[in-house]
Structure formats: C-alpha cells, structure tokens
C-alpha cells in the first residue's frame, strides 16, 4: 500500500517545469484569521441550551458508486450528477438533525474532480440561516497524478457551520508529512480550524474542526499533529466550554490494527498510538471500544469496520447522548457521528 501511494504521487516529466513554479505551491501561514461567512444569524446560544453536534467526513460529496484511485479503484473525478445528488443527501441529513454545530471535512470548493462546485455554498443554499467558517487544507492549481487522469485543480476545506453566529475564526497549520519537497508542494497541508460561537450574556463556545494525516506510516507527523490539538485543548480554563471534532485517521488506543489485514500499515500499534495523549486524558463523546460506533466504511460495505472519527469536549458541557448514524452509509466512506450536550 505504501508503494502504491508513492507511485500515485510520482510526478510526470511533461508538466514538471510549469508545476514547479513558486506560484504553484500553497504555503499557508502558521496561524491566520479566517473570515466567517454570514457571521450574524438569528440568535446566540444561551446557557442551559442543548448543543447538538454533528461531525462528518463527506468524501468531497463524490458518492460511493465506485472506489477512488487512492483506495486502488478506477475513479478520480465525480460526475456533476453524483455531486449534486450527494450534496442533496448531506443537506437532508443536516436538516433532519438540525445540529447547533456541524463539523465537515473534505469539502471541495472549486476543485476539478467535483466539477469546480463550491460545496460549502451549495450546502448553505440548502440550509438557510447558517453561519460558516472554512479553511483550505489541500490547494493546488494542478495536481498531475494519477497519470492516466490527473486530479487537476484542488481546493479542499474544513468547514464549520452553525445557526448561532461566529464571532471569529482562525486557521492553524499542522505538521506536514516527512516527504520530498516536490511532493509536498502538491500534497495536503493539514490544519486545525477554530471558531468562537457567541453565548448570550457573554462568553463563547470554542469549537475546533480537523482532519489529521493519512499515510504517514509512523514518520512522527501524527504525533506532532496530536500535540497541537492537545495544546489547544489544554489552553482553556475549566469554565470555558469547548468542542473538538473531526477525522483523526487514528484507531482508538484499545483497538489492535492487526485485525485490519491490508490496512494494517496505516495505523500505529496500540502502544505507539498518538491518541494515547488525548484518551483518556480528555473527555470523548462516544464509546471508542464499541464496534457499533465505528465510523469508517470500506468500499462496498454498509458496515463500518473501524473508528477514526471523534468528538472531544471540555469545560461546562454535560454529555446527554451520542451515536453514529449507521443508516447514512450511502453518502460517504465515513458515517456521521453526533452528540448532544447541555451548555
């Protein structure tokens, strides 16, 4: 699997001169403000409210018709029909659940593989009254792999939505993979997107959205990324409510990766798992040892075989319930997870 990924990221000779232009590389700042979309909405949160949360890696709204190239399949691009149908399905889930905070990962905004559709704005059109903050973590004018059908232009985001308004938002760059500089130019720049949601009477609910690295193969990247998350979580005093959710690309520390056969090289052994820095030190909403709450779906399966998505919380938030929407398996290779808290 490692060699296959390296082959996929190999660069062709023809477009190399143009691609190596300094203008082609995305070089995000270590820390940068993010301008919210529609920052003012109908009402702030109030103390005593139930804060419902939904976190979902939506697999760039491409659907699950065929496996994509990074999973060894034939697909690189989705059709406009697939994208629109998937966006409509995702919006229907969000209308049904009506979360106070929605954390989405892998949101394409002007990417060739999904018809250059701005998926965040498309969702906001279907979900009136939402504020949003969004931060890119994969941007390039042209990705030249796979050779038979290049990915092309990419612009993939973390997006956080709420009907309660966003006072401010911020992007923090996470550690990059230990890889050659040329490959790094075209690869993902993982990030932490934070936002402040106003609470009536003063104060804010601090929320954070992330998607950690896949295919790091024990190079230390995930350790560094988790350290950044832990520092953010540690930065809050006991009276500050906060939430952190996303796709961590890490199994729970109690799960043995040996059971995953071909996917085994993707995950650290239980003793070396970077999530030991977070679990059980911080509160996690779902029981990570429960097989019924697994979140990642192998292609062709309606049943998830591993947990790699999490919701952490702290401060004056009491957990009222949490789960995984197992019936929503047709829209993405991840299941949405939810949790309800009392503020």
Foldseek 3Di string as FASTA:
>chain_A
DLVLVVLQLDDDDVCVVVCPPPVFFDDDDQKDWFDKACQDFDAFAAAQDKAKEKEEAQQQQQWQPWDDVVLVTDAQAHDLVSSVVLLVVVLVVCVVRVGQKYKYFFHWQQWVRNPNHRSVVVSCVSVPQKMKTKDWFFFGQFRCGPVVDGRGTTTTIIMMIHNQGWPIKMKGWADDAPDDPSSNRRDTGWIKIWTWGAYPPDATEIEIETAADWSSQPPCRLLRRVVVVVVVVVVDDQQHKYKYWYFSQEFPLVDALVVVVPCSSRYDGSVPTSCVVVPPVFDWQDDSVDLQAAWFADRPDLGHRTHRITMTIGHPKAWDDKGWPSVSSGRHRTTMIMTIIRD
